[in-house]
Amino acid sequence: MSITLDLPDEIMLDVIRRAQRAGQTPDFFIADALRRQFAIERFRETRQSLGGYGEGAGLVTDEDVFNAIS
């Protein structure tokens, strides 16, 4: 599947430079950036929906969770 994006010149130049540094094509770089953003959003959504369970167990911060599993 493909999509066409109109990006401002400064963003496109940044994509090209960063993709080259990473040894990737601009297409792969953009797709990877989107995958990462989606993963962050899924994590935040999951965290939000499970927040009440953690608070009930005394797990309010990331440090609380880290200490509980360490």
N, C-alpha and C. Protein backbone atom coordinates (compact mmCIF):
# COMPACT_ATOMS: atom_id res chain seq x y z
N MET A 1 0.85 -1.17 0.00
CA MET A 1 0.00 0.00 0.00
C MET A 1 0.89 1.23 0.00
N SER A 2 0.45 2.26 -0.63
CA SER A 2 1.26 3.48 -0.65
C SER A 2 0.39 4.69 -0.35
N ILE A 3 1.06 5.76 0.03
CA ILE A 3 0.40 7.02 0.35
C ILE A 3 1.33 8.14 -0.12
N THR A 4 0.77 9.23 -0.50
CA THR A 4 1.56 10.39 -0.91
C THR A 4 1.41 11.46 0.15
N LEU A 5 2.55 11.99 0.61
CA LEU A 5 2.54 13.04 1.62
C LEU A 5 3.17 14.30 1.05
N ASP A 6 2.59 15.42 1.38
CA ASP A 6 3.20 16.70 1.07
C ASP A 6 3.79 17.23 2.36
N LEU A 7 5.12 17.18 2.46
CA LEU A 7 5.81 17.64 3.65
C LEU A 7 6.50 18.96 3.37
N PRO A 8 6.56 19.83 4.37
CA PRO A 8 7.34 21.05 4.19
C PRO A 8 8.80 20.70 3.87
N ASP A 9 9.43 21.53 3.08
CA ASP A 9 10.81 21.27 2.65
C ASP A 9 11.75 20.97 3.81
N GLU A 10 11.63 21.76 4.91
CA GLU A 10 12.56 21.57 6.03
C GLU A 10 12.39 20.19 6.68
N ILE A 11 11.16 19.68 6.73
CA ILE A 11 10.94 18.35 7.31
C ILE A 11 11.47 17.29 6.36
N MET A 12 11.22 17.44 5.08
CA MET A 12 11.69 16.45 4.12
C MET A 12 13.21 16.39 4.11
N LEU A 13 13.88 17.54 4.17
CA LEU A 13 15.34 17.54 4.21
C LEU A 13 15.85 16.86 5.47
N ASP A 14 15.18 17.09 6.58
CA ASP A 14 15.56 16.43 7.84
C ASP A 14 15.36 14.92 7.73
N VAL A 15 14.25 14.50 7.14
CA VAL A 15 14.00 13.07 6.94
C VAL A 15 15.11 12.45 6.09
N ILE A 16 15.45 13.09 5.01
CA ILE A 16 16.48 12.57 4.10
C ILE A 16 17.82 12.46 4.83
N ARG A 17 18.21 13.51 5.55
CA ARG A 17 19.50 13.48 6.28
C ARG A 17 19.53 12.38 7.34
N ARG A 18 18.45 12.29 8.11
CA ARG A 18 18.42 11.29 9.19
C ARG A 18 18.35 9.87 8.63
N ALA A 19 17.62 9.69 7.55
CA ALA A 19 17.54 8.37 6.92
C ALA A 19 18.91 7.96 6.39
N GLN A 20 19.61 8.88 5.76
CA GLN A 20 20.95 8.57 5.24
C GLN A 20 21.89 8.19 6.37
N ARG A 21 21.84 8.95 7.48
CA ARG A 21 22.71 8.64 8.62
C ARG A 21 22.41 7.26 9.18
N ALA A 22 21.15 6.85 9.13
CA ALA A 22 20.74 5.55 9.67
C ALA A 22 20.88 4.44 8.64
N GLY A 23 21.28 4.79 7.42
CA GLY A 23 21.42 3.79 6.36
C GLY A 23 20.07 3.26 5.89
N GLN A 24 19.07 4.13 5.89
CA GLN A 24 17.71 3.74 5.52
C GLN A 24 17.22 4.60 4.36
N THR A 25 16.17 4.13 3.73
CA THR A 25 15.52 4.97 2.73
C THR A 25 14.59 5.93 3.46
N PRO A 26 14.28 7.06 2.85
CA PRO A 26 13.31 7.97 3.47
C PRO A 26 11.96 7.28 3.73
N ASP A 27 11.52 6.42 2.81
CA ASP A 27 10.25 5.71 3.00
C ASP A 27 10.29 4.84 4.25
N PHE A 28 11.38 4.09 4.42
CA PHE A 28 11.50 3.22 5.59
C PHE A 28 11.58 4.07 6.85
N PHE A 29 12.33 5.16 6.81
CA PHE A 29 12.49 6.04 7.97
C PHE A 29 11.14 6.58 8.42
N ILE A 30 10.33 7.05 7.49
CA ILE A 30 9.01 7.60 7.83
C ILE A 30 8.10 6.50 8.37
N ALA A 31 8.10 5.33 7.74
CA ALA A 31 7.27 4.22 8.21
C ALA A 31 7.68 3.81 9.62
N ASP A 32 8.99 3.77 9.88
CA ASP A 32 9.48 3.41 11.21
C ASP A 32 9.08 4.46 12.24
N ALA A 33 9.15 5.72 11.87
CA ALA A 33 8.74 6.80 12.78
C ALA A 33 7.26 6.67 13.13
N LEU A 34 6.44 6.33 12.15
CA LEU A 34 5.01 6.14 12.40
C LEU A 34 4.77 4.93 13.30
N ARG A 35 5.50 3.82 13.05
CA ARG A 35 5.37 2.64 13.91
C ARG A 35 5.70 2.98 15.35
N ARG A 36 6.77 3.75 15.55
CA ARG A 36 7.17 4.13 16.90
C ARG A 36 6.11 5.02 17.56
N GLN A 37 5.57 5.95 16.80
CA GLN A 37 4.54 6.84 17.35
C GLN A 37 3.30 6.05 17.73
N PHE A 38 2.91 5.11 16.89
CA PHE A 38 1.74 4.28 17.20
C PHE A 38 1.98 3.44 18.45
N ALA A 39 3.20 2.93 18.61
CA ALA A 39 3.52 2.14 19.80
C ALA A 39 3.43 3.00 21.06
N ILE A 40 3.92 4.23 20.97
CA ILE A 40 3.84 5.15 22.11
C ILE A 40 2.38 5.43 22.45
N GLU A 41 1.56 5.67 21.44
CA GLU A 41 0.15 5.95 21.69
C GLU A 41 -0.56 4.74 22.30
N ARG A 42 -0.26 3.52 21.80
CA ARG A 42 -0.87 2.31 22.38
C ARG A 42 -0.45 2.15 23.83
N PHE A 43 0.83 2.40 24.12
CA PHE A 43 1.32 2.31 25.49
C PHE A 43 0.57 3.29 26.39
N ARG A 44 0.43 4.53 25.95
CA ARG A 44 -0.26 5.54 26.77
C ARG A 44 -1.72 5.18 26.98
N GLU A 45 -2.37 4.67 25.92
CA GLU A 45 -3.77 4.26 26.05
C GLU A 45 -3.92 3.11 27.04
N THR A 46 -3.02 2.14 26.95
CA THR A 46 -3.06 1.00 27.87
C THR A 46 -2.80 1.46 29.29
N ARG A 47 -1.81 2.31 29.45
CA ARG A 47 -1.49 2.83 30.77
C ARG A 47 -2.68 3.56 31.37
N GLN A 48 -3.35 4.35 30.55
CA GLN A 48 -4.51 5.11 31.01
C GLN A 48 -5.63 4.17 31.43
N SER A 49 -5.89 3.15 30.64
CA SER A 49 -7.00 2.25 30.93
C SER A 49 -6.72 1.35 32.13
N LEU A 50 -5.44 1.08 32.42
CA LEU A 50 -5.09 0.22 33.55
C LEU A 50 -4.68 0.99 34.79
N GLY A 51 -4.69 2.31 34.69
CA GLY A 51 -4.22 3.15 35.79
C GLY A 51 -4.90 2.87 37.11
N GLY A 52 -6.19 2.65 37.10
CA GLY A 52 -6.92 2.41 38.34
C GLY A 52 -6.47 1.15 39.05
N TYR A 53 -6.12 0.13 38.28
CA TYR A 53 -5.66 -1.13 38.89
C TYR A 53 -4.34 -0.93 39.62
N GLY A 54 -3.44 -0.20 39.00
CA GLY A 54 -2.15 0.04 39.61
C GLY A 54 -2.26 0.88 40.87
N GLU A 55 -3.08 1.91 40.81
CA GLU A 55 -3.25 2.77 41.97
C GLU A 55 -3.82 1.98 43.14
N GLY A 56 -4.74 1.07 42.85
CA GLY A 56 -5.32 0.24 43.90
C GLY A 56 -4.28 -0.65 44.56
N ALA A 57 -3.23 -0.97 43.80
CA ALA A 57 -2.16 -1.82 44.33
C ALA A 57 -1.00 -0.97 44.87
N GLY A 58 -1.18 0.35 44.89
CA GLY A 58 -0.12 1.22 45.39
C GLY A 58 0.94 1.55 44.37
N LEU A 59 0.66 1.30 43.09
CA LEU A 59 1.61 1.58 42.01
C LEU A 59 1.15 2.84 41.28
N VAL A 60 1.75 3.96 41.64
CA VAL A 60 1.33 5.24 41.07
C VAL A 60 2.32 5.75 40.05
N THR A 61 3.59 5.58 40.31
CA THR A 61 4.63 6.10 39.41
C THR A 61 5.37 4.95 38.73
N ASP A 62 6.15 5.27 37.71
CA ASP A 62 7.00 4.28 37.05
C ASP A 62 7.98 3.67 38.06
N GLU A 63 8.46 4.51 38.97
CA GLU A 63 9.40 4.03 39.98
C GLU A 63 8.73 2.98 40.89
N ASP A 64 7.46 3.20 41.22
CA ASP A 64 6.73 2.22 42.03
C ASP A 64 6.69 0.86 41.32
N VAL A 65 6.41 0.89 40.02
CA VAL A 65 6.35 -0.35 39.24
C VAL A 65 7.73 -1.00 39.19
N PHE A 66 8.75 -0.20 38.92
CA PHE A 66 10.12 -0.72 38.85
C PHE A 66 10.51 -1.39 40.16
N ASN A 67 10.21 -0.72 41.27
CA ASN A 67 10.55 -1.28 42.59
C ASN A 67 9.77 -2.57 42.86
N ALA A 68 8.55 -2.64 42.38
CA ALA A 68 7.72 -3.84 42.62
C ALA A 68 8.23 -5.04 41.85
N ILE A 69 8.81 -4.81 40.69
CA ILE A 69 9.25 -5.95 39.87
C ILE A 69 10.74 -6.23 40.00
N SER A 70 11.46 -5.37 40.70
CA SER A 70 12.92 -5.54 40.84
C SER A 70 13.25 -6.44 42.01
